[in-house]
Amino acid sequence: MTTIAGYPVQLDVEYPDRPLNRLTTALRIFTIIPIAIVLGAVSGGTLSTTVGNDAAQTTTTVVVGAGGILFAAPLLMILFRQKYPRWWFDWNLELTRFSSRVALYGALLDDRYPSTDERQSLLLAIHYPDARSDLNRWLPLVKWFLAIPHYIVLVFLGIAALVCVVIAWFAILFTGRYPRGLFDFVVGVGRWSVRVSAYAVLLTTDRYPPFSLNP
């Protein structure tokens, strides 16, 4: 496999070279719910309820989450100040790591329950940029548009990855192992997705993401 050397976003997952837990694999769609709720709480969200009759209805909005990926604030800072505050970067990085651990648990890549802070089997590194020397102040305004080809490809890759996860689910139930070829493909799709996110959403790099599953 060809390595994309020097790209400022790297993701890998340690292959579980051991029998995986078949019970938690079989029930993964249920066991993931608590940590998914925690992820939703730190990712931000609202809950709206409507009360009243047809003639007079009142909508109440309750905030059930806070935070989420910072996008608009870094964009404005890069645009007007050419700065990317380090603590904003650290927040986005750690939230991306957390959400990735939940995602790889859901994709059956690891049977250990996702930690909110420990890195476990996930290796995700994003280079902290020097906004003045590494980032074009105007490019964040159009990155979402430039990334459209990647979004289109990722839709089809995501479907293929889902099929691989279903096949792996049966394989783990019968053999206790995640087929290595399927594992590498699913990780590759996640790697591709994170690189696009770092480019178009996290705004940490101006290097266009490669059309590649390779590390």
N, C-alpha and C. Protein backbone atom coordinates (compact mmCIF):
# COMPACT_ATOMS: atom_id res chain seq x y z
N MET A 1 0.85 -1.19 0.00
CA MET A 1 0.00 0.00 0.00
C MET A 1 0.88 1.24 0.00
N THR A 2 0.56 2.19 -0.85
CA THR A 2 1.33 3.42 -0.95
C THR A 2 0.97 4.35 0.21
N THR A 3 1.99 4.93 0.83
CA THR A 3 1.78 5.86 1.93
C THR A 3 1.82 7.29 1.42
N ILE A 4 0.85 8.09 1.84
CA ILE A 4 0.82 9.50 1.47
C ILE A 4 1.63 10.25 2.51
N ALA A 5 2.90 10.42 2.23
CA ALA A 5 3.82 11.00 3.21
C ALA A 5 3.58 12.49 3.36
N GLY A 6 3.67 12.95 4.59
CA GLY A 6 3.64 14.38 4.85
C GLY A 6 2.27 15.01 4.90
N TYR A 7 1.21 14.25 4.64
CA TYR A 7 -0.12 14.88 4.71
C TYR A 7 -0.43 15.17 6.17
N PRO A 8 -0.94 16.39 6.46
CA PRO A 8 -1.07 16.82 7.86
C PRO A 8 -2.22 16.20 8.63
N VAL A 9 -2.89 15.21 8.07
CA VAL A 9 -3.97 14.52 8.78
C VAL A 9 -3.74 13.02 8.61
N GLN A 10 -3.59 12.31 9.71
CA GLN A 10 -3.35 10.88 9.67
C GLN A 10 -4.32 10.17 10.60
N LEU A 11 -4.88 9.07 10.11
CA LEU A 11 -5.79 8.26 10.92
C LEU A 11 -5.47 6.80 10.70
N ASP A 12 -5.44 6.06 11.79
CA ASP A 12 -5.26 4.61 11.70
C ASP A 12 -5.95 3.98 12.90
N VAL A 13 -6.30 2.72 12.76
CA VAL A 13 -6.94 1.97 13.83
C VAL A 13 -6.17 0.66 13.98
N GLU A 14 -5.81 0.34 15.21
CA GLU A 14 -5.08 -0.89 15.48
C GLU A 14 -5.97 -2.10 15.20
N TYR A 15 -5.47 -3.01 14.37
CA TYR A 15 -6.26 -4.19 14.03
C TYR A 15 -6.35 -5.12 15.25
N PRO A 16 -7.56 -5.53 15.62
CA PRO A 16 -7.72 -6.41 16.79
C PRO A 16 -7.35 -7.85 16.44
N ASP A 17 -6.09 -8.19 16.60
CA ASP A 17 -5.61 -9.53 16.28
C ASP A 17 -5.89 -10.47 17.45
N ARG A 18 -7.18 -10.62 17.72
CA ARG A 18 -7.65 -11.43 18.84
C ARG A 18 -9.12 -11.72 18.61
N PRO A 19 -9.68 -12.71 19.30
CA PRO A 19 -11.12 -12.96 19.17
C PRO A 19 -11.93 -11.78 19.72
N LEU A 20 -12.86 -11.30 18.96
CA LEU A 20 -13.72 -10.19 19.38
C LEU A 20 -14.91 -10.74 20.15
N ASN A 21 -15.48 -9.90 21.00
CA ASN A 21 -16.62 -10.29 21.82
C ASN A 21 -17.85 -10.46 20.94
N ARG A 22 -18.34 -11.67 20.81
CA ARG A 22 -19.45 -11.95 19.91
C ARG A 22 -20.78 -11.42 20.45
N LEU A 23 -20.93 -11.44 21.78
CA LEU A 23 -22.18 -10.97 22.36
C LEU A 23 -22.37 -9.48 22.14
N THR A 24 -21.35 -8.67 22.48
CA THR A 24 -21.49 -7.23 22.29
C THR A 24 -21.53 -6.87 20.82
N THR A 25 -20.92 -7.69 19.98
CA THR A 25 -21.01 -7.46 18.53
C THR A 25 -22.44 -7.67 18.06
N ALA A 26 -23.06 -8.73 18.53
CA ALA A 26 -24.44 -9.02 18.14
C ALA A 26 -25.39 -7.92 18.59
N LEU A 27 -25.10 -7.32 19.75
CA LEU A 27 -25.99 -6.31 20.33
C LEU A 27 -25.46 -4.89 20.14
N ARG A 28 -24.53 -4.69 19.21
CA ARG A 28 -23.86 -3.40 19.07
C ARG A 28 -24.84 -2.25 18.83
N ILE A 29 -25.89 -2.51 18.09
CA ILE A 29 -26.86 -1.45 17.79
C ILE A 29 -27.52 -0.93 19.07
N PHE A 30 -27.53 -1.74 20.13
CA PHE A 30 -28.11 -1.32 21.40
C PHE A 30 -27.03 -0.81 22.37
N THR A 31 -25.89 -1.48 22.41
CA THR A 31 -24.86 -1.09 23.37
C THR A 31 -24.24 0.27 23.05
N ILE A 32 -24.35 0.71 21.80
CA ILE A 32 -23.76 1.98 21.42
C ILE A 32 -24.62 3.17 21.86
N ILE A 33 -25.87 2.91 22.22
CA ILE A 33 -26.81 4.01 22.51
C ILE A 33 -26.34 4.93 23.63
N PRO A 34 -25.89 4.42 24.79
CA PRO A 34 -25.48 5.36 25.87
C PRO A 34 -24.36 6.30 25.46
N ILE A 35 -23.31 5.78 24.82
CA ILE A 35 -22.19 6.64 24.45
C ILE A 35 -22.59 7.57 23.30
N ALA A 36 -23.53 7.14 22.47
CA ALA A 36 -24.02 8.01 21.40
C ALA A 36 -24.78 9.20 22.00
N ILE A 37 -25.49 8.97 23.10
CA ILE A 37 -26.18 10.06 23.78
C ILE A 37 -25.17 11.04 24.36
N VAL A 38 -24.10 10.52 24.96
CA VAL A 38 -23.04 11.39 25.49
C VAL A 38 -22.42 12.20 24.36
N LEU A 39 -22.14 11.56 23.24
CA LEU A 39 -21.56 12.27 22.09
C LEU A 39 -22.51 13.35 21.60
N GLY A 40 -23.80 13.05 21.56
CA GLY A 40 -24.78 14.05 21.16
C GLY A 40 -24.82 15.23 22.11
N ALA A 41 -24.60 14.94 23.40
CA ALA A 41 -24.63 16.02 24.39
C ALA A 41 -23.49 17.00 24.20
N VAL A 42 -22.28 16.50 23.87
CA VAL A 42 -21.15 17.40 23.68
C VAL A 42 -21.07 17.95 22.27
N SER A 43 -21.81 17.33 21.35
CA SER A 43 -21.80 17.80 19.96
C SER A 43 -22.82 18.90 19.72
N GLY A 44 -23.74 19.10 20.66
CA GLY A 44 -24.74 20.15 20.51
C GLY A 44 -26.04 19.60 19.98
N GLY A 45 -27.13 20.22 20.39
CA GLY A 45 -28.44 19.79 19.92
C GLY A 45 -29.55 20.47 20.68
N THR A 46 -30.72 20.46 20.12
CA THR A 46 -31.90 21.04 20.76
C THR A 46 -33.07 20.09 20.67
N LEU A 47 -33.99 20.26 21.58
CA LEU A 47 -35.20 19.47 21.60
C LEU A 47 -36.39 20.42 21.63
N SER A 48 -37.28 20.28 20.65
CA SER A 48 -38.45 21.15 20.57
C SER A 48 -39.71 20.36 20.87
N THR A 49 -40.58 20.93 21.68
CA THR A 49 -41.86 20.30 22.00
C THR A 49 -42.97 21.29 21.73
N THR A 50 -44.07 20.80 21.23
CA THR A 50 -45.23 21.65 20.92
C THR A 50 -46.39 21.25 21.81
N VAL A 51 -46.96 22.22 22.52
CA VAL A 51 -48.08 21.96 23.40
C VAL A 51 -49.24 22.88 23.03
N GLY A 52 -50.43 22.45 23.36
CA GLY A 52 -51.61 23.27 23.07
C GLY A 52 -52.53 22.56 22.09
N ASN A 53 -53.65 23.22 21.77
CA ASN A 53 -54.60 22.66 20.83
C ASN A 53 -54.36 23.23 19.44
N ASP A 54 -55.23 22.88 18.49
CA ASP A 54 -55.05 23.34 17.12
C ASP A 54 -55.15 24.84 17.00
N ALA A 55 -55.94 25.47 17.84
CA ALA A 55 -56.15 26.91 17.74
C ALA A 55 -54.96 27.70 18.30
N ALA A 56 -54.37 27.18 19.33
CA ALA A 56 -53.26 27.90 19.96
C ALA A 56 -52.20 26.90 20.39
N GLN A 57 -51.11 26.92 19.72
CA GLN A 57 -50.02 26.01 20.02
C GLN A 57 -48.79 26.80 20.45
N THR A 58 -48.09 26.27 21.41
CA THR A 58 -46.87 26.91 21.89
C THR A 58 -45.71 25.94 21.73
N THR A 59 -44.64 26.41 21.13
CA THR A 59 -43.45 25.59 20.92
C THR A 59 -42.39 25.97 21.94
N THR A 60 -41.93 24.99 22.67
CA THR A 60 -40.88 25.21 23.66
C THR A 60 -39.61 24.53 23.20
N THR A 61 -38.52 25.26 23.17
CA THR A 61 -37.23 24.72 22.75
C THR A 61 -36.34 24.56 23.97
N VAL A 62 -35.85 23.35 24.15
CA VAL A 62 -34.99 23.04 25.29
C VAL A 62 -33.62 22.65 24.76
N VAL A 63 -32.59 23.28 25.27
CA VAL A 63 -31.23 22.95 24.86
C VAL A 63 -30.78 21.70 25.62
N VAL A 64 -30.44 20.64 24.87
CA VAL A 64 -30.02 19.40 25.51
C VAL A 64 -28.54 19.12 25.24
N GLY A 65 -27.87 19.98 24.55
CA GLY A 65 -26.45 19.78 24.28
C GLY A 65 -25.75 21.11 24.13
N ALA A 66 -24.45 21.06 24.16
CA ALA A 66 -23.68 22.29 24.00
C ALA A 66 -22.36 21.94 23.33
N GLY A 67 -21.76 22.95 22.71
CA GLY A 67 -20.47 22.71 22.09
C GLY A 67 -20.60 22.38 20.63
N GLY A 68 -20.02 21.25 20.22
CA GLY A 68 -20.00 20.87 18.83
C GLY A 68 -18.72 21.35 18.15
N ILE A 69 -18.53 20.92 16.92
CA ILE A 69 -17.36 21.33 16.16
C ILE A 69 -17.41 22.83 15.91
N LEU A 70 -16.31 23.51 16.16
CA LEU A 70 -16.22 24.94 15.91
C LEU A 70 -15.84 25.16 14.45
N PHE A 71 -16.71 25.85 13.72
CA PHE A 71 -16.46 26.11 12.30
C PHE A 71 -16.49 27.60 12.00
N ALA A 72 -17.58 28.26 12.33
CA ALA A 72 -17.73 29.68 11.98
C ALA A 72 -16.69 30.54 12.68
N ALA A 73 -16.42 30.26 13.96
CA ALA A 73 -15.47 31.08 14.70
C ALA A 73 -14.05 30.98 14.13
N PRO A 74 -13.51 29.76 13.90
CA PRO A 74 -12.19 29.69 13.27
C PRO A 74 -12.15 30.33 11.88
N LEU A 75 -13.25 30.17 11.12
CA LEU A 75 -13.30 30.79 9.80
C LEU A 75 -13.13 32.29 9.89
N LEU A 76 -13.86 32.90 10.82
CA LEU A 76 -13.79 34.36 10.96
C LEU A 76 -12.42 34.81 11.47
N MET A 77 -11.83 34.04 12.38
CA MET A 77 -10.51 34.40 12.89
C MET A 77 -9.44 34.28 11.81
N ILE A 78 -9.52 33.23 11.00
CA ILE A 78 -8.56 33.08 9.91
C ILE A 78 -8.75 34.19 8.89
N LEU A 79 -10.00 34.52 8.61
CA LEU A 79 -10.30 35.52 7.60
C LEU A 79 -9.85 36.92 8.02
N PHE A 80 -10.14 37.31 9.25
CA PHE A 80 -9.89 38.69 9.66
C PHE A 80 -8.61 38.87 10.49
N ARG A 81 -8.18 37.84 11.22
CA ARG A 81 -7.01 37.99 12.09
C ARG A 81 -5.85 37.09 11.71
N GLN A 82 -6.10 36.14 10.79
CA GLN A 82 -5.09 35.14 10.43
C GLN A 82 -4.57 34.43 11.68
N LYS A 83 -5.50 34.00 12.50
CA LYS A 83 -5.18 33.26 13.72
C LYS A 83 -6.10 32.05 13.83
N TYR A 84 -5.58 30.99 14.44
CA TYR A 84 -6.40 29.83 14.77
C TYR A 84 -6.07 29.50 16.23
N PRO A 85 -6.88 30.01 17.17
CA PRO A 85 -6.58 29.79 18.59
C PRO A 85 -6.34 28.32 18.91
N ARG A 86 -5.28 28.06 19.64
CA ARG A 86 -4.89 26.68 19.92
C ARG A 86 -5.97 25.91 20.66
N TRP A 87 -6.66 26.56 21.60
CA TRP A 87 -7.65 25.81 22.37
C TRP A 87 -8.86 25.47 21.52
N TRP A 88 -9.16 26.27 20.51
CA TRP A 88 -10.22 25.90 19.57
C TRP A 88 -9.81 24.67 18.77
N PHE A 89 -8.55 24.66 18.32
CA PHE A 89 -8.02 23.52 17.59
C PHE A 89 -8.06 22.27 18.45
N ASP A 90 -7.62 22.38 19.72
CA ASP A 90 -7.60 21.22 20.62
C ASP A 90 -9.01 20.68 20.85
N TRP A 91 -9.97 21.58 21.00
CA TRP A 91 -11.36 21.15 21.20
C TRP A 91 -11.85 20.37 19.99
N ASN A 92 -11.63 20.92 18.78
CA ASN A 92 -12.07 20.24 17.56
C ASN A 92 -11.37 18.89 17.40
N LEU A 93 -10.08 18.84 17.71
CA LEU A 93 -9.33 17.60 17.58
C LEU A 93 -9.85 16.53 18.53
N GLU A 94 -10.04 16.90 19.80
CA GLU A 94 -10.48 15.90 20.77
C GLU A 94 -11.92 15.46 20.52
N LEU A 95 -12.77 16.37 20.07
CA LEU A 95 -14.14 15.97 19.74
C LEU A 95 -14.15 15.06 18.51
N THR A 96 -13.28 15.34 17.55
CA THR A 96 -13.17 14.47 16.38
C THR A 96 -12.67 13.10 16.78
N ARG A 97 -11.70 13.04 17.70
CA ARG A 97 -11.21 11.76 18.19
C ARG A 97 -12.30 10.98 18.91
N PHE A 98 -13.05 11.68 19.76
CA PHE A 98 -14.13 11.02 20.50
C PHE A 98 -15.18 10.47 19.54
N SER A 99 -15.63 11.30 18.60
CA SER A 99 -16.65 10.84 17.65
C SER A 99 -16.12 9.70 16.78
N SER A 100 -14.83 9.73 16.48
CA SER A 100 -14.23 8.65 15.69
C SER A 100 -14.20 7.35 16.48
N ARG A 101 -13.92 7.43 17.80
CA ARG A 101 -13.95 6.21 18.62
C ARG A 101 -15.35 5.62 18.67
N VAL A 102 -16.35 6.47 18.76
CA VAL A 102 -17.73 5.98 18.75
C VAL A 102 -18.05 5.35 17.40
N ALA A 103 -17.60 6.00 16.32
CA ALA A 103 -17.86 5.49 14.98
C ALA A 103 -17.19 4.14 14.74
N LEU A 104 -15.94 4.00 15.18
CA LEU A 104 -15.26 2.72 14.95
C LEU A 104 -15.85 1.62 15.81
N TYR A 105 -16.38 1.98 16.98
CA TYR A 105 -17.10 0.99 17.80
C TYR A 105 -18.37 0.56 17.08
N GLY A 106 -19.08 1.52 16.51
CA GLY A 106 -20.28 1.19 15.75
C GLY A 106 -19.99 0.37 14.51
N ALA A 107 -18.80 0.58 13.92
CA ALA A 107 -18.41 -0.18 12.73
C ALA A 107 -17.75 -1.51 13.08
N LEU A 108 -17.78 -1.89 14.37
CA LEU A 108 -17.29 -3.18 14.86
C LEU A 108 -15.78 -3.31 14.79
N LEU A 109 -15.06 -2.19 14.58
CA LEU A 109 -13.61 -2.25 14.46
C LEU A 109 -12.92 -2.50 15.80
N ASP A 110 -13.63 -2.28 16.88
CA ASP A 110 -13.11 -2.52 18.22
C ASP A 110 -14.27 -2.90 19.12
N ASP A 111 -14.05 -3.86 20.01
CA ASP A 111 -15.13 -4.27 20.92
C ASP A 111 -14.99 -3.63 22.29
N ARG A 112 -13.96 -2.79 22.48
CA ARG A 112 -13.84 -2.05 23.73
C ARG A 112 -14.76 -0.84 23.68
N TYR A 113 -15.43 -0.58 24.81
CA TYR A 113 -16.39 0.51 24.81
C TYR A 113 -15.65 1.84 24.64
N PRO A 114 -16.18 2.74 23.81
CA PRO A 114 -15.48 4.00 23.52
C PRO A 114 -15.25 4.83 24.77
N SER A 115 -14.02 5.30 24.92
CA SER A 115 -13.67 6.18 26.03
C SER A 115 -13.92 7.62 25.62
N THR A 116 -14.25 8.45 26.61
CA THR A 116 -14.42 9.87 26.33
C THR A 116 -13.10 10.60 26.22
N ASP A 117 -12.01 10.00 26.75
CA ASP A 117 -10.73 10.70 26.71
C ASP A 117 -9.53 9.82 26.32
N GLU A 118 -9.55 8.53 26.64
CA GLU A 118 -8.43 7.66 26.29
C GLU A 118 -8.45 7.34 24.79
N ARG A 119 -7.29 7.19 24.21
CA ARG A 119 -7.19 7.04 22.75
C ARG A 119 -7.50 5.62 22.28
N GLN A 120 -7.33 4.62 23.14
CA GLN A 120 -7.64 3.23 22.81
C GLN A 120 -6.94 2.82 21.51
N SER A 121 -7.68 2.20 20.58
CA SER A 121 -7.04 1.68 19.36
C SER A 121 -6.96 2.72 18.25
N LEU A 122 -7.51 3.91 18.47
CA LEU A 122 -7.54 4.95 17.44
C LEU A 122 -6.27 5.79 17.48
N LEU A 123 -5.68 5.99 16.33
CA LEU A 123 -4.55 6.90 16.17
C LEU A 123 -4.99 7.99 15.19
N LEU A 124 -5.24 9.18 15.71
CA LEU A 124 -5.69 10.30 14.87
C LEU A 124 -4.85 11.52 15.20
N ALA A 125 -4.11 11.98 14.22
CA ALA A 125 -3.23 13.14 14.40
C ALA A 125 -3.54 14.18 13.34
N ILE A 126 -3.71 15.42 13.78
CA ILE A 126 -3.93 16.55 12.87
C ILE A 126 -2.91 17.62 13.22
N HIS A 127 -2.17 18.07 12.23
CA HIS A 127 -1.13 19.07 12.44
C HIS A 127 -1.76 20.42 12.78
N TYR A 128 -1.27 21.04 13.86
CA TYR A 128 -1.74 22.37 14.22
C TYR A 128 -1.13 23.39 13.27
N PRO A 129 -1.96 24.17 12.56
CA PRO A 129 -1.42 25.06 11.53
C PRO A 129 -0.99 26.41 12.09
N ASP A 130 0.02 26.97 11.45
CA ASP A 130 0.35 28.38 11.65
C ASP A 130 -0.52 29.15 10.66
N ALA A 131 -1.52 29.82 11.17
CA ALA A 131 -2.52 30.43 10.29
C ALA A 131 -1.91 31.41 9.29
N ARG A 132 -0.88 32.11 9.70
CA ARG A 132 -0.29 33.11 8.81
C ARG A 132 0.52 32.49 7.67
N SER A 133 1.24 31.42 7.97
CA SER A 133 2.11 30.83 6.96
C SER A 133 1.51 29.60 6.28
N ASP A 134 0.59 28.89 6.96
CA ASP A 134 0.06 27.64 6.43
C ASP A 134 -1.31 27.77 5.79
N LEU A 135 -2.07 28.82 6.14
CA LEU A 135 -3.45 28.92 5.70
C LEU A 135 -3.69 30.20 4.90
N ASN A 136 -4.37 30.04 3.78
CA ASN A 136 -4.81 31.19 2.99
C ASN A 136 -6.06 31.77 3.63
N ARG A 137 -6.05 33.04 3.94
CA ARG A 137 -7.15 33.63 4.69
C ARG A 137 -8.48 33.60 3.93
N TRP A 138 -8.45 33.53 2.59
CA TRP A 138 -9.69 33.58 1.82
C TRP A 138 -10.21 32.19 1.47
N LEU A 139 -9.36 31.19 1.51
CA LEU A 139 -9.76 29.86 1.07
C LEU A 139 -10.89 29.23 1.89
N PRO A 140 -10.98 29.47 3.22
CA PRO A 140 -12.09 28.88 3.97
C PRO A 140 -13.47 29.23 3.45
N LEU A 141 -13.57 30.33 2.71
CA LEU A 141 -14.88 30.72 2.17
C LEU A 141 -15.37 29.79 1.08
N VAL A 142 -14.45 29.08 0.42
CA VAL A 142 -14.85 28.24 -0.72
C VAL A 142 -14.48 26.77 -0.54
N LYS A 143 -13.89 26.42 0.59
CA LYS A 143 -13.48 25.02 0.78
C LYS A 143 -14.67 24.06 0.70
N TRP A 144 -15.82 24.47 1.23
CA TRP A 144 -17.00 23.61 1.18
C TRP A 144 -17.36 23.28 -0.26
N PHE A 145 -17.17 24.25 -1.15
CA PHE A 145 -17.49 24.04 -2.57
C PHE A 145 -16.43 23.17 -3.24
N LEU A 146 -15.17 23.43 -2.92
CA LEU A 146 -14.08 22.66 -3.52
C LEU A 146 -14.12 21.19 -3.10
N ALA A 147 -14.71 20.93 -1.93
CA ALA A 147 -14.76 19.55 -1.41
C ALA A 147 -15.93 18.75 -1.95
N ILE A 148 -16.78 19.34 -2.77
CA ILE A 148 -17.97 18.63 -3.28
C ILE A 148 -17.62 17.32 -3.98
N PRO A 149 -16.58 17.26 -4.83
CA PRO A 149 -16.24 15.96 -5.44
C PRO A 149 -15.97 14.88 -4.40
N HIS A 150 -15.34 15.25 -3.29
CA HIS A 150 -15.09 14.27 -2.23
C HIS A 150 -16.40 13.81 -1.60
N TYR A 151 -17.32 14.74 -1.36
CA TYR A 151 -18.59 14.36 -0.77
C TYR A 151 -19.32 13.34 -1.63
N ILE A 152 -19.28 13.54 -2.94
CA ILE A 152 -19.95 12.62 -3.86
C ILE A 152 -19.33 11.23 -3.77
N VAL A 153 -17.99 11.19 -3.81
CA VAL A 153 -17.31 9.89 -3.73
C VAL A 153 -17.57 9.23 -2.38
N LEU A 154 -17.58 10.02 -1.31
CA LEU A 154 -17.78 9.46 0.03
C LEU A 154 -19.16 8.87 0.22
N VAL A 155 -20.15 9.37 -0.49
CA VAL A 155 -21.49 8.77 -0.41
C VAL A 155 -21.43 7.31 -0.85
N PHE A 156 -20.77 7.06 -1.98
CA PHE A 156 -20.67 5.69 -2.49
C PHE A 156 -19.74 4.84 -1.63
N LEU A 157 -18.65 5.44 -1.16
CA LEU A 157 -17.75 4.70 -0.28
C LEU A 157 -18.44 4.36 1.04
N GLY A 158 -19.27 5.28 1.54
CA GLY A 158 -20.00 5.02 2.77
C GLY A 158 -20.96 3.86 2.63
N ILE A 159 -21.62 3.76 1.49
CA ILE A 159 -22.52 2.63 1.23
C ILE A 159 -21.73 1.33 1.20
N ALA A 160 -20.59 1.36 0.51
CA ALA A 160 -19.75 0.16 0.44
C ALA A 160 -19.23 -0.23 1.82
N ALA A 161 -18.85 0.77 2.62
CA ALA A 161 -18.36 0.49 3.97
C ALA A 161 -19.46 -0.12 4.83
N LEU A 162 -20.69 0.36 4.67
CA LEU A 162 -21.81 -0.21 5.43
C LEU A 162 -22.02 -1.68 5.08
N VAL A 163 -21.91 -2.00 3.80
CA VAL A 163 -22.02 -3.40 3.37
C VAL A 163 -20.91 -4.23 4.01
N CYS A 164 -19.70 -3.67 4.04
CA CYS A 164 -18.58 -4.38 4.66
C CYS A 164 -18.82 -4.63 6.15
N VAL A 165 -19.40 -3.65 6.83
CA VAL A 165 -19.68 -3.80 8.26
C VAL A 165 -20.71 -4.92 8.48
N VAL A 166 -21.72 -4.99 7.63
CA VAL A 166 -22.74 -6.05 7.75
C VAL A 166 -22.10 -7.42 7.55
N ILE A 167 -21.24 -7.52 6.53
CA ILE A 167 -20.55 -8.79 6.29
C ILE A 167 -19.64 -9.13 7.47
N ALA A 168 -18.93 -8.12 7.99
CA ALA A 168 -18.05 -8.34 9.13
C ALA A 168 -18.83 -8.77 10.36
N TRP A 169 -20.05 -8.25 10.53
CA TRP A 169 -20.89 -8.62 11.67
C TRP A 169 -21.13 -10.12 11.68
N PHE A 170 -21.48 -10.67 10.52
CA PHE A 170 -21.69 -12.12 10.43
C PHE A 170 -20.38 -12.87 10.64
N ALA A 171 -19.29 -12.34 10.07
CA ALA A 171 -17.99 -13.01 10.21
C ALA A 171 -17.57 -13.08 11.67
N ILE A 172 -17.78 -12.00 12.42
CA ILE A 172 -17.40 -11.99 13.84
C ILE A 172 -18.27 -12.95 14.63
N LEU A 173 -19.55 -13.00 14.32
CA LEU A 173 -20.44 -13.90 15.04
C LEU A 173 -20.04 -15.36 14.85
N PHE A 174 -19.55 -15.71 13.66
CA PHE A 174 -19.22 -17.10 13.36
C PHE A 174 -17.75 -17.44 13.66
N THR A 175 -16.85 -16.49 13.49
CA THR A 175 -15.42 -16.78 13.64
C THR A 175 -14.75 -15.99 14.75
N GLY A 176 -15.37 -14.90 15.22
CA GLY A 176 -14.76 -14.05 16.23
C GLY A 176 -13.74 -13.10 15.67
N ARG A 177 -13.57 -13.05 14.35
CA ARG A 177 -12.56 -12.21 13.72
C ARG A 177 -13.17 -11.26 12.71
N TYR A 178 -12.54 -10.09 12.60
CA TYR A 178 -12.94 -9.10 11.59
C TYR A 178 -12.03 -9.34 10.37
N PRO A 179 -12.57 -9.75 9.21
CA PRO A 179 -11.72 -9.99 8.04
C PRO A 179 -10.81 -8.80 7.76
N ARG A 180 -9.51 -9.04 7.60
CA ARG A 180 -8.55 -7.95 7.52
C ARG A 180 -8.80 -7.05 6.31
N GLY A 181 -9.17 -7.63 5.18
CA GLY A 181 -9.43 -6.81 4.01
C GLY A 181 -10.58 -5.85 4.21
N LEU A 182 -11.66 -6.32 4.83
CA LEU A 182 -12.80 -5.47 5.12
C LEU A 182 -12.42 -4.40 6.15
N PHE A 183 -11.63 -4.81 7.14
CA PHE A 183 -11.18 -3.88 8.18
C PHE A 183 -10.41 -2.72 7.56
N ASP A 184 -9.45 -3.04 6.71
CA ASP A 184 -8.62 -2.00 6.10
C ASP A 184 -9.45 -1.07 5.22
N PHE A 185 -10.45 -1.61 4.54
CA PHE A 185 -11.28 -0.77 3.68
C PHE A 185 -12.11 0.20 4.51
N VAL A 186 -12.75 -0.30 5.57
CA VAL A 186 -13.59 0.56 6.42
C VAL A 186 -12.74 1.65 7.08
N VAL A 187 -11.55 1.29 7.55
CA VAL A 187 -10.65 2.29 8.14
C VAL A 187 -10.24 3.31 7.09
N GLY A 188 -9.99 2.85 5.86
CA GLY A 188 -9.61 3.75 4.79
C GLY A 188 -10.70 4.76 4.47
N VAL A 189 -11.95 4.33 4.50
CA VAL A 189 -13.06 5.26 4.27
C VAL A 189 -13.12 6.29 5.39
N GLY A 190 -12.93 5.84 6.62
CA GLY A 190 -12.91 6.78 7.74
C GLY A 190 -11.75 7.77 7.62
N ARG A 191 -10.60 7.29 7.18
CA ARG A 191 -9.43 8.15 6.99
C ARG A 191 -9.73 9.22 5.94
N TRP A 192 -10.31 8.81 4.83
CA TRP A 192 -10.67 9.74 3.76
C TRP A 192 -11.63 10.80 4.29
N SER A 193 -12.65 10.37 5.03
CA SER A 193 -13.66 11.28 5.55
C SER A 193 -13.06 12.30 6.51
N VAL A 194 -12.16 11.86 7.39
CA VAL A 194 -11.54 12.77 8.36
C VAL A 194 -10.68 13.80 7.65
N ARG A 195 -9.98 13.39 6.60
CA ARG A 195 -9.15 14.33 5.86
C ARG A 195 -10.00 15.40 5.19
N VAL A 196 -11.12 15.00 4.63
CA VAL A 196 -12.02 15.99 4.02
C VAL A 196 -12.58 16.92 5.09
N SER A 197 -12.92 16.37 6.26
CA SER A 197 -13.42 17.19 7.35
C SER A 197 -12.37 18.19 7.82
N ALA A 198 -11.12 17.75 7.93
CA ALA A 198 -10.05 18.65 8.36
C ALA A 198 -9.86 19.79 7.36
N TYR A 199 -10.05 19.50 6.09
CA TYR A 199 -9.88 20.51 5.05
C TYR A 199 -11.06 21.48 4.99
N ALA A 200 -12.28 20.95 4.97
CA ALA A 200 -13.45 21.78 4.68
C ALA A 200 -14.21 22.25 5.91
N VAL A 201 -14.06 21.56 7.05
CA VAL A 201 -14.84 21.90 8.24
C VAL A 201 -13.94 22.39 9.38
N LEU A 202 -12.93 21.61 9.71
CA LEU A 202 -12.02 22.02 10.78
C LEU A 202 -11.09 23.14 10.33
N LEU A 203 -10.86 23.23 9.01
CA LEU A 203 -10.05 24.31 8.41
C LEU A 203 -8.61 24.30 8.89
N THR A 204 -8.06 23.12 9.15
CA THR A 204 -6.70 23.03 9.68
C THR A 204 -5.63 22.91 8.60
N THR A 205 -6.02 22.70 7.36
CA THR A 205 -5.05 22.57 6.28
C THR A 205 -5.62 23.10 4.98
N ASP A 206 -4.74 23.63 4.14
CA ASP A 206 -5.13 24.07 2.81
C ASP A 206 -4.75 23.04 1.75
N ARG A 207 -4.08 21.98 2.15
CA ARG A 207 -3.71 20.94 1.20
C ARG A 207 -4.95 20.14 0.83
N TYR A 208 -5.25 20.07 -0.46
CA TYR A 208 -6.46 19.38 -0.90
C TYR A 208 -6.36 17.89 -0.55
N PRO A 209 -7.42 17.33 0.00
CA PRO A 209 -7.38 15.92 0.41
C PRO A 209 -7.15 15.00 -0.78
N PRO A 210 -6.32 13.99 -0.60
CA PRO A 210 -6.09 13.03 -1.69
C PRO A 210 -7.29 12.12 -1.88
N PHE A 211 -7.54 11.73 -3.12
CA PHE A 211 -8.58 10.75 -3.40
C PHE A 211 -7.99 9.37 -3.16
N SER A 212 -7.86 9.03 -1.91
CA SER A 212 -7.15 7.79 -1.58
C SER A 212 -7.58 7.27 -0.22
N LEU A 213 -7.58 5.95 -0.08
CA LEU A 213 -7.84 5.30 1.20
C LEU A 213 -6.56 5.07 1.97
N ASN A 214 -5.42 5.34 1.35
CA ASN A 214 -4.12 5.01 1.93
C ASN A 214 -3.77 5.89 3.12
N PRO A 215 -2.94 5.36 4.04
CA PRO A 215 -2.50 6.16 5.19
C PRO A 215 -1.48 7.20 4.77
